[in-house]
Amino acid sequence: MKKAIWFIFNNCQEVQPYLEEHLRFLQMQHPESSDFYEMQQSTFSTWFAKRVMLTLYFTYFTL
């Protein structure tokens, strides 16, 4: 199931800016690492859910 979710995220044009943001986040958090693709594949869905929740939270409270 995780591979299917990753496939969808990785092939959805609307998600691409978030994938790029997440990659920058990983590069800042783990500058010594060289395998960001595997790291991103295993952590993106959780990070993305939190990112969306924060966006919704701040949108709601700034209306």
C-alpha atoms as a PDB file:
ATOM      1  CA  MET A   1       0.000   0.000   0.000  1.00  0.00           C
ATOM      2  CA  LYS A   2       2.837   2.440   0.806  1.00  0.00           C
ATOM      3  CA  LYS A   3       4.290   1.998  -2.670  1.00  0.00           C
ATOM      4  CA  ALA A   4       0.913   2.756  -4.247  1.00  0.00           C
ATOM      5  CA  ILE A   5       0.528   5.917  -2.168  1.00  0.00           C
ATOM      6  CA  TRP A   6       4.067   6.996  -3.071  1.00  0.00           C
ATOM      7  CA  PHE A   7       3.346   6.359  -6.751  1.00  0.00           C
ATOM      8  CA  ILE A   8       0.270   8.583  -6.588  1.00  0.00           C
ATOM      9  CA  PHE A   9       2.076  11.376  -4.716  1.00  0.00           C
ATOM     10  CA  ASN A  10       5.066  11.180  -7.016  1.00  0.00           C
ATOM     11  CA  ASN A  11       2.899  11.386 -10.141  1.00  0.00           C
ATOM     12  CA  CYS A  12       0.430  14.049  -9.066  1.00  0.00           C
ATOM     13  CA  GLN A  13       1.368  17.449 -10.446  1.00  0.00           C
ATOM     14  CA  GLU A  14      -0.426  19.290  -7.627  1.00  0.00           C
ATOM     15  CA  VAL A  15       1.793  17.580  -5.051  1.00  0.00           C
ATOM     16  CA  GLN A  16       5.108  18.391  -6.771  1.00  0.00           C
ATOM     17  CA  PRO A  17       5.709  21.688  -4.905  1.00  0.00           C
ATOM     18  CA  TYR A  18       5.273  19.814  -1.622  1.00  0.00           C
ATOM     19  CA  LEU A  19       7.682  17.087  -2.718  1.00  0.00           C
ATOM     20  CA  GLU A  20      10.240  19.794  -3.482  1.00  0.00           C
ATOM     21  CA  GLU A  21       9.618  21.483  -0.127  1.00  0.00           C
ATOM     22  CA  HIS A  22       9.965  18.157   1.668  1.00  0.00           C
ATOM     23  CA  LEU A  23      13.200  17.381  -0.170  1.00  0.00           C
ATOM     24  CA  ARG A  24      14.652  20.744   0.913  1.00  0.00           C
ATOM     25  CA  PHE A  25      13.515  19.987   4.477  1.00  0.00           C
ATOM     26  CA  LEU A  26      15.288  16.607   4.409  1.00  0.00           C
ATOM     27  CA  GLN A  27      18.447  18.137   2.965  1.00  0.00           C
ATOM     28  CA  MET A  28      18.525  20.698   5.775  1.00  0.00           C
ATOM     29  CA  GLN A  29      17.788  18.127   8.476  1.00  0.00           C
ATOM     30  CA  HIS A  30      20.229  15.493   7.168  1.00  0.00           C
ATOM     31  CA  PRO A  31      23.014  17.235   5.243  1.00  0.00           C
ATOM     32  CA  GLU A  32      25.274  14.208   5.674  1.00  0.00           C
ATOM     33  CA  SER A  33      22.875  11.875   3.880  1.00  0.00           C
ATOM     34  CA  SER A  34      23.103  11.015   0.215  1.00  0.00           C
ATOM     35  CA  ASP A  35      19.986   8.877  -0.294  1.00  0.00           C
ATOM     36  CA  PHE A  36      17.247  11.456  -0.069  1.00  0.00           C
ATOM     37  CA  TYR A  37      15.004   9.599  -2.508  1.00  0.00           C
ATOM     38  CA  GLU A  38      14.586   6.614  -0.184  1.00  0.00           C
ATOM     39  CA  MET A  39      14.242   8.877   2.839  1.00  0.00           C
ATOM     40  CA  GLN A  40      11.622  10.968   1.071  1.00  0.00           C
ATOM     41  CA  GLN A  41       9.722   7.898  -0.055  1.00  0.00           C
ATOM     42  CA  SER A  42       9.470   6.614   3.513  1.00  0.00           C
ATOM     43  CA  THR A  43       8.640   9.911   5.250  1.00  0.00           C
ATOM     44  CA  PHE A  44       6.705  12.056   2.780  1.00  0.00           C
ATOM     45  CA  SER A  45       3.164  10.850   3.485  1.00  0.00           C
ATOM     46  CA  THR A  46       3.421  11.607   7.218  1.00  0.00           C
ATOM     47  CA  TRP A  47       5.125  14.945   6.603  1.00  0.00           C
ATOM     48  CA  PHE A  48       2.532  15.868   3.957  1.00  0.00           C
ATOM     49  CA  ALA A  49      -0.394  15.081   6.273  1.00  0.00           C
ATOM     50  CA  LYS A  50       1.107  17.320   8.970  1.00  0.00           C
ATOM     51  CA  ARG A  51       1.828  20.060   6.424  1.00  0.00           C
ATOM     52  CA  VAL A  52      -1.763  20.038   5.160  1.00  0.00           C
ATOM     53  CA  MET A  53      -3.129  20.088   8.717  1.00  0.00           C
ATOM     54  CA  LEU A  54      -0.960  23.101   9.592  1.00  0.00           C
ATOM     55  CA  THR A  55      -2.109  24.919   6.468  1.00  0.00           C
ATOM     56  CA  LEU A  56      -5.749  24.245   7.304  1.00  0.00           C
ATOM     57  CA  TYR A  57      -5.227  25.268  10.937  1.00  0.00           C
ATOM     58  CA  PHE A  58      -3.598  28.588  10.073  1.00  0.00           C
ATOM     59  CA  THR A  59      -6.110  29.282   7.311  1.00  0.00           C
ATOM     60  CA  TYR A  60      -8.987  28.713   9.724  1.00  0.00           C
ATOM     61  CA  PHE A  61      -7.555  30.901  12.496  1.00  0.00           C
ATOM     62  CA  THR A  62      -6.522  33.776  10.249  1.00  0.00           C
ATOM     63  CA  LEU A  63      -9.941  34.316   8.682  1.00  0.00           C
END
